[in-house]
Amino acid sequence: MTTRRSIGCLLMAGAFLGSGALSAQETLMEGDLRHGGFGAPVVKFTEIDSRFGVLVGGRGGWIINGSVVIGGGGYGLANVANFEHLMNGAGDPGGLEMGYGGLELGYVHRPDELVHVSLGLLIGAGGVAWNPDGPSGTRADDSFFVAEPELDVVLNATRFFRAALGVSYRLTRGVELLGLRNADLSGFAAVVSLNFGSF
């Protein structure tokens, strides 16, 4: 009888301590969650194959508690006229086209402050192509993996509009097109984004 009573006391004590530990547990998202969303046109100024490039695109996503961002984005080379310099193996001249996109994850630090910072990461894929300038030559293309971390300084202009300036680094893997390699499409970028939505 004494043994049973001792086991019962131990079980009750364990349950009491366990419930206390659970109630004291902290989580990243607790209480009433705040939800929002946004869309943003984005311009990136960068270097591609040792030439000045402008990437234009957009991003959008779901915002949880003003801080956690889950979304996606896509970007394409806008100033293709600056990349009419590549030649194929036969010496035919042509131009470069490039685009990429994928999943974007982010964290916004102190989002309710007038000026704050945000961190982001794009993980996805892209494509690069060579187009001949004339009738000679055949179009060639290739795909690649891309990962792009980003750091932004954000200004809360209004309740529904936030402007951001930042810097990113585009890391590409798997590039093999007419002498182009990973390093030719990788590089830093200055980023400008205009964010509209419910934050």
C-alpha atoms as a PDB file:
ATOM      1  CA  MET A   1       0.000   0.000   0.000  1.00  0.00           C
ATOM      2  CA  THR A   2       2.870   2.325   0.854  1.00  0.00           C
ATOM      3  CA  THR A   3       4.499   1.635  -2.513  1.00  0.00           C
ATOM      4  CA  ARG A   4       1.301   2.444  -4.394  1.00  0.00           C
ATOM      5  CA  ARG A   5       0.870   5.669  -2.455  1.00  0.00           C
ATOM      6  CA  SER A   6       4.472   6.690  -3.184  1.00  0.00           C
ATOM      7  CA  ILE A   7       4.061   6.042  -6.909  1.00  0.00           C
ATOM      8  CA  GLY A   8       0.818   8.019  -6.929  1.00  0.00           C
ATOM      9  CA  CYS A   9       2.497  10.959  -5.202  1.00  0.00           C
ATOM     10  CA  LEU A  10       5.363  10.878  -7.674  1.00  0.00           C
ATOM     11  CA  LEU A  11       2.986  10.863 -10.652  1.00  0.00           C
ATOM     12  CA  MET A  12       0.989  13.783  -9.243  1.00  0.00           C
ATOM     13  CA  ALA A  13       4.176  15.757  -8.585  1.00  0.00           C
ATOM     14  CA  GLY A  14       5.429  15.038 -12.111  1.00  0.00           C
ATOM     15  CA  ALA A  15       2.146  16.161 -13.649  1.00  0.00           C
ATOM     16  CA  PHE A  16       2.185  19.354 -11.572  1.00  0.00           C
ATOM     17  CA  LEU A  17       5.774  20.195 -12.524  1.00  0.00           C
ATOM     18  CA  GLY A  18       5.119  19.359 -16.178  1.00  0.00           C
ATOM     19  CA  SER A  19       2.098  21.646 -16.367  1.00  0.00           C
ATOM     20  CA  GLY A  20       4.134  24.431 -14.780  1.00  0.00           C
ATOM     21  CA  ALA A  21       6.902  23.973 -17.346  1.00  0.00           C
ATOM     22  CA  LEU A  22       4.414  24.055 -20.216  1.00  0.00           C
ATOM     23  CA  SER A  23       2.775  27.242 -18.969  1.00  0.00           C
ATOM     24  CA  ALA A  24       6.180  28.939 -18.723  1.00  0.00           C
ATOM     25  CA  GLN A  25       7.209  27.953 -22.251  1.00  0.00           C
ATOM     26  CA  GLU A  26       7.859  30.847 -24.655  1.00  0.00           C
ATOM     27  CA  THR A  27       7.319  30.636 -28.410  1.00  0.00           C
ATOM     28  CA  LEU A  28       8.134  32.819 -31.398  1.00  0.00           C
ATOM     29  CA  MET A  29       4.460  33.456 -32.160  1.00  0.00           C
ATOM     30  CA  GLU A  30       1.997  33.458 -29.296  1.00  0.00           C
ATOM     31  CA  GLY A  31      -1.279  35.133 -28.461  1.00  0.00           C
ATOM     32  CA  ASP A  32      -3.424  36.728 -31.163  1.00  0.00           C
ATOM     33  CA  LEU A  33      -1.504  36.709 -34.421  1.00  0.00           C
ATOM     34  CA  ARG A  34      -1.528  39.792 -36.633  1.00  0.00           C
ATOM     35  CA  HIS A  35      -1.745  39.065 -40.347  1.00  0.00           C
ATOM     36  CA  GLY A  36      -0.973  41.262 -43.322  1.00  0.00           C
ATOM     37  CA  GLY A  37       0.265  41.196 -46.865  1.00  0.00           C
ATOM     38  CA  PHE A  38       2.160  43.328 -49.357  1.00  0.00           C
ATOM     39  CA  GLY A  39       3.269  43.729 -52.948  1.00  0.00           C
ATOM     40  CA  ALA A  40       6.304  45.649 -54.167  1.00  0.00           C
ATOM     41  CA  PRO A  41       7.923  46.686 -57.439  1.00  0.00           C
ATOM     42  CA  VAL A  42      11.682  46.173 -57.123  1.00  0.00           C
ATOM     43  CA  VAL A  43      14.719  47.470 -59.026  1.00  0.00           C
ATOM     44  CA  LYS A  44      18.209  46.027 -58.549  1.00  0.00           C
ATOM     45  CA  PHE A  45      21.400  47.669 -59.845  1.00  0.00           C
ATOM     46  CA  THR A  46      24.150  45.115 -60.251  1.00  0.00           C
ATOM     47  CA  GLU A  47      27.018  43.783 -62.375  1.00  0.00           C
ATOM     48  CA  ILE A  48      26.516  40.854 -64.723  1.00  0.00           C
ATOM     49  CA  ASP A  49      29.398  39.467 -66.780  1.00  0.00           C
ATOM     50  CA  SER A  50      31.455  42.586 -65.896  1.00  0.00           C
ATOM     51  CA  ARG A  51      28.758  44.939 -67.264  1.00  0.00           C
ATOM     52  CA  PHE A  52      26.252  47.205 -65.546  1.00  0.00           C
ATOM     53  CA  GLY A  53      22.879  45.509 -65.268  1.00  0.00           C
ATOM     54  CA  VAL A  54      19.424  46.583 -64.153  1.00  0.00           C
ATOM     55  CA  LEU A  55      17.071  43.896 -62.880  1.00  0.00           C
ATOM     56  CA  VAL A  56      13.384  44.804 -62.648  1.00  0.00           C
ATOM     57  CA  GLY A  57      10.680  42.741 -61.001  1.00  0.00           C
ATOM     58  CA  GLY A  58       8.478  42.400 -57.991  1.00  0.00           C
ATOM     59  CA  ARG A  59       7.844  40.570 -54.766  1.00  0.00           C
ATOM     60  CA  GLY A  60       4.904  39.930 -52.504  1.00  0.00           C
ATOM     61  CA  GLY A  61       4.015  37.934 -49.464  1.00  0.00           C
ATOM     62  CA  TRP A  62       2.190  37.173 -46.254  1.00  0.00           C
ATOM     63  CA  ILE A  63       3.279  39.044 -43.106  1.00  0.00           C
ATOM     64  CA  ILE A  64       2.817  37.445 -39.679  1.00  0.00           C
ATOM     65  CA  ASN A  65       2.920  39.674 -36.584  1.00  0.00           C
ATOM     66  CA  GLY A  66       4.536  42.412 -38.654  1.00  0.00           C
ATOM     67  CA  SER A  67       7.863  40.567 -38.618  1.00  0.00           C
ATOM     68  CA  VAL A  68       7.843  37.178 -40.340  1.00  0.00           C
ATOM     69  CA  VAL A  69       7.471  37.291 -44.131  1.00  0.00           C
ATOM     70  CA  ILE A  70       6.716  34.357 -46.437  1.00  0.00           C
ATOM     71  CA  GLY A  71       6.343  35.079 -50.131  1.00  0.00           C
ATOM     72  CA  GLY A  72       7.966  35.052 -53.513  1.00  0.00           C
ATOM     73  CA  GLY A  73       9.558  37.236 -56.140  1.00  0.00           C
ATOM     74  CA  GLY A  74      10.845  37.342 -59.680  1.00  0.00           C
ATOM     75  CA  TYR A  75      13.341  39.571 -61.540  1.00  0.00           C
ATOM     76  CA  GLY A  76      14.490  40.001 -65.120  1.00  0.00           C
ATOM     77  CA  LEU A  77      17.293  41.820 -66.920  1.00  0.00           C
ATOM     78  CA  ALA A  78      15.862  45.117 -68.212  1.00  0.00           C
ATOM     79  CA  ASN A  79      18.783  46.766 -70.042  1.00  0.00           C
ATOM     80  CA  VAL A  80      19.434  43.932 -72.496  1.00  0.00           C
ATOM     81  CA  ALA A  81      20.877  46.424 -75.006  1.00  0.00           C
ATOM     82  CA  ASN A  82      23.935  46.655 -72.764  1.00  0.00           C
ATOM     83  CA  PHE A  83      24.592  42.934 -73.208  1.00  0.00           C
ATOM     84  CA  GLU A  84      24.865  42.601 -76.999  1.00  0.00           C
ATOM     85  CA  HIS A  85      28.446  41.397 -76.659  1.00  0.00           C
ATOM     86  CA  LEU A  86      28.482  37.606 -76.503  1.00  0.00           C
ATOM     87  CA  MET A  87      29.590  35.433 -79.418  1.00  0.00           C
ATOM     88  CA  ASN A  88      28.999  31.739 -79.891  1.00  0.00           C
ATOM     89  CA  GLY A  89      31.700  29.260 -80.895  1.00  0.00           C
ATOM     90  CA  ALA A  90      31.298  30.159 -84.564  1.00  0.00           C
ATOM     91  CA  GLY A  91      31.832  33.864 -83.892  1.00  0.00           C
ATOM     92  CA  ASP A  92      28.193  34.886 -84.372  1.00  0.00           C
ATOM     93  CA  PRO A  93      27.281  37.966 -82.292  1.00  0.00           C
ATOM     94  CA  GLY A  94      24.329  37.893 -79.923  1.00  0.00           C
ATOM     95  CA  GLY A  95      22.765  39.266 -76.772  1.00  0.00           C
ATOM     96  CA  LEU A  96      22.210  38.036 -73.239  1.00  0.00           C
ATOM     97  CA  GLU A  97      18.852  37.596 -71.493  1.00  0.00           C
ATOM     98  CA  MET A  98      18.449  36.610 -67.865  1.00  0.00           C
ATOM     99  CA  GLY A  99      15.764  36.168 -65.232  1.00  0.00           C
ATOM    100  CA  TYR A 100      15.245  34.399 -61.912  1.00  0.00           C
ATOM    101  CA  GLY A 101      12.802  34.018 -59.045  1.00  0.00           C
ATOM    102  CA  GLY A 102      11.664  31.847 -56.199  1.00  0.00           C
ATOM    103  CA  LEU A 103      10.609  31.639 -52.571  1.00  0.00           C
ATOM    104  CA  GLU A 104      11.391  34.679 -50.430  1.00  0.00           C
ATOM    105  CA  LEU A 105      11.612  34.514 -46.629  1.00  0.00           C
ATOM    106  CA  GLY A 106      12.163  37.533 -44.411  1.00  0.00           C
ATOM    107  CA  TYR A 107      12.357  38.910 -40.900  1.00  0.00           C
ATOM    108  CA  VAL A 108      11.562  42.545 -40.048  1.00  0.00           C
ATOM    109  CA  HIS A 109      13.158  43.912 -36.861  1.00  0.00           C
ATOM    110  CA  ARG A 110      10.961  46.365 -34.890  1.00  0.00           C
ATOM    111  CA  PRO A 111       8.529  46.919 -37.797  1.00  0.00           C
ATOM    112  CA  ASP A 112       6.539  49.684 -36.026  1.00  0.00           C
ATOM    113  CA  GLU A 113       9.538  52.012 -35.709  1.00  0.00           C
ATOM    114  CA  LEU A 114       9.818  54.823 -38.273  1.00  0.00           C
ATOM    115  CA  VAL A 115      13.123  53.479 -39.614  1.00  0.00           C
ATOM    116  CA  HIS A 116      14.006  49.833 -39.145  1.00  0.00           C
ATOM    117  CA  VAL A 117      15.856  46.972 -40.828  1.00  0.00           C
ATOM    118  CA  SER A 118      14.772  43.758 -42.492  1.00  0.00           C
ATOM    119  CA  LEU A 119      16.576  40.602 -43.558  1.00  0.00           C
ATOM    120  CA  GLY A 120      15.529  38.500 -46.533  1.00  0.00           C
ATOM    121  CA  LEU A 121      16.531  35.410 -48.447  1.00  0.00           C
ATOM    122  CA  LEU A 122      15.471  34.307 -51.923  1.00  0.00           C
ATOM    123  CA  ILE A 123      15.944  30.665 -52.889  1.00  0.00           C
ATOM    124  CA  GLY A 124      14.965  29.624 -56.376  1.00  0.00           C
ATOM    125  CA  ALA A 125      16.029  29.153 -59.966  1.00  0.00           C
ATOM    126  CA  GLY A 126      16.714  31.201 -63.054  1.00  0.00           C
ATOM    127  CA  GLY A 127      17.443  31.064 -66.732  1.00  0.00           C
ATOM    128  CA  VAL A 128      19.964  32.705 -69.032  1.00  0.00           C
ATOM    129  CA  ALA A 129      19.829  32.746 -72.818  1.00  0.00           C
ATOM    130  CA  TRP A 130      21.885  33.857 -75.811  1.00  0.00           C
ATOM    131  CA  ASN A 131      19.984  35.260 -78.802  1.00  0.00           C
ATOM    132  CA  PRO A 132      21.770  35.745 -82.146  1.00  0.00           C
ATOM    133  CA  ASP A 133      21.663  39.270 -83.580  1.00  0.00           C
ATOM    134  CA  GLY A 134      21.130  38.093 -87.146  1.00  0.00           C
ATOM    135  CA  PRO A 135      20.099  35.008 -89.120  1.00  0.00           C
ATOM    136  CA  SER A 136      23.323  33.205 -88.204  1.00  0.00           C
ATOM    137  CA  GLY A 137      23.504  31.182 -85.046  1.00  0.00           C
ATOM    138  CA  THR A 138      21.000  29.251 -82.957  1.00  0.00           C
ATOM    139  CA  ARG A 139      19.528  30.405 -79.662  1.00  0.00           C
ATOM    140  CA  ALA A 140      21.162  28.773 -76.631  1.00  0.00           C
ATOM    141  CA  ASP A 141      19.962  28.748 -73.037  1.00  0.00           C
ATOM    142  CA  ASP A 142      20.726  27.341 -69.610  1.00  0.00           C
ATOM    143  CA  SER A 143      19.146  27.199 -66.157  1.00  0.00           C
ATOM    144  CA  PHE A 144      20.744  27.789 -62.766  1.00  0.00           C
ATOM    145  CA  PHE A 145      20.126  27.689 -59.020  1.00  0.00           C
ATOM    146  CA  VAL A 146      20.109  31.015 -57.172  1.00  0.00           C
ATOM    147  CA  ALA A 147      20.262  32.061 -53.515  1.00  0.00           C
ATOM    148  CA  GLU A 148      20.184  35.761 -52.632  1.00  0.00           C
ATOM    149  CA  PRO A 149      20.396  37.122 -49.065  1.00  0.00           C
ATOM    150  CA  GLU A 150      19.356  40.770 -48.635  1.00  0.00           C
ATOM    151  CA  LEU A 151      19.601  43.485 -45.972  1.00  0.00           C
ATOM    152  CA  ASP A 152      17.273  46.512 -46.191  1.00  0.00           C
ATOM    153  CA  VAL A 153      16.742  49.784 -44.355  1.00  0.00           C
ATOM    154  CA  VAL A 154      13.005  50.480 -44.337  1.00  0.00           C
ATOM    155  CA  LEU A 155      11.093  53.765 -43.896  1.00  0.00           C
ATOM    156  CA  ASN A 156       7.457  53.686 -42.749  1.00  0.00           C
ATOM    157  CA  ALA A 157       6.148  56.463 -45.019  1.00  0.00           C
ATOM    158  CA  THR A 158       2.434  55.806 -44.349  1.00  0.00           C
ATOM    159  CA  ARG A 159       0.376  53.016 -42.814  1.00  0.00           C
ATOM    160  CA  PHE A 160       0.137  51.273 -46.176  1.00  0.00           C
ATOM    161  CA  PHE A 161       3.433  52.284 -47.859  1.00  0.00           C
ATOM    162  CA  ARG A 162       7.031  51.520 -46.933  1.00  0.00           C
ATOM    163  CA  ALA A 163      10.126  52.437 -48.963  1.00  0.00           C
ATOM    164  CA  ALA A 164      13.292  50.375 -48.669  1.00  0.00           C
ATOM    165  CA  LEU A 165      16.923  50.642 -49.739  1.00  0.00           C
ATOM    166  CA  GLY A 166      19.180  47.659 -49.418  1.00  0.00           C
ATOM    167  CA  VAL A 167      21.985  45.480 -50.618  1.00  0.00           C
ATOM    168  CA  SER A 168      21.895  41.848 -51.730  1.00  0.00           C
ATOM    169  CA  TYR A 169      24.296  39.221 -52.977  1.00  0.00           C
ATOM    170  CA  ARG A 170      23.170  36.951 -55.826  1.00  0.00           C
ATOM    171  CA  LEU A 171      24.836  33.528 -55.670  1.00  0.00           C
ATOM    172  CA  THR A 172      24.331  31.356 -58.757  1.00  0.00           C
ATOM    173  CA  ARG A 173      25.263  27.734 -59.388  1.00  0.00           C
ATOM    174  CA  GLY A 174      25.085  25.584 -62.521  1.00  0.00           C
ATOM    175  CA  VAL A 175      25.786  28.269 -65.151  1.00  0.00           C
ATOM    176  CA  GLU A 176      27.345  26.937 -68.360  1.00  0.00           C
ATOM    177  CA  LEU A 177      26.555  29.004 -71.448  1.00  0.00           C
ATOM    178  CA  LEU A 178      29.020  30.176 -74.128  1.00  0.00           C
ATOM    179  CA  GLY A 179      31.858  30.620 -71.672  1.00  0.00           C
ATOM    180  CA  LEU A 180      29.691  32.131 -68.909  1.00  0.00           C
ATOM    181  CA  ARG A 181      30.233  30.661 -65.461  1.00  0.00           C
ATOM    182  CA  ASN A 182      28.751  31.049 -61.976  1.00  0.00           C
ATOM    183  CA  ALA A 183      30.919  34.048 -61.100  1.00  0.00           C
ATOM    184  CA  ASP A 184      29.731  35.940 -64.197  1.00  0.00           C
ATOM    185  CA  LEU A 185      26.109  35.953 -63.015  1.00  0.00           C
ATOM    186  CA  SER A 186      26.810  36.245 -59.264  1.00  0.00           C
ATOM    187  CA  GLY A 187      27.372  39.566 -57.532  1.00  0.00           C
ATOM    188  CA  PHE A 188      26.234  42.339 -55.228  1.00  0.00           C
ATOM    189  CA  ALA A 189      23.220  44.506 -56.016  1.00  0.00           C
ATOM    190  CA  ALA A 190      21.810  47.784 -54.716  1.00  0.00           C
ATOM    191  CA  VAL A 191      18.087  47.258 -54.159  1.00  0.00           C
ATOM    192  CA  VAL A 192      15.196  49.734 -54.230  1.00  0.00           C
ATOM    193  CA  SER A 193      11.696  48.530 -53.345  1.00  0.00           C
ATOM    194  CA  LEU A 194       8.347  50.274 -52.842  1.00  0.00           C
ATOM    195  CA  ASN A 195       6.158  48.195 -50.561  1.00  0.00           C
ATOM    196  CA  PHE A 196       2.365  48.600 -50.554  1.00  0.00           C
ATOM    197  CA  GLY A 197       0.026  46.662 -48.319  1.00  0.00           C
ATOM    198  CA  SER A 198      -1.230  45.912 -44.836  1.00  0.00           C
ATOM    199  CA  PHE A 199       1.714  45.660 -42.474  1.00  0.00           C
END
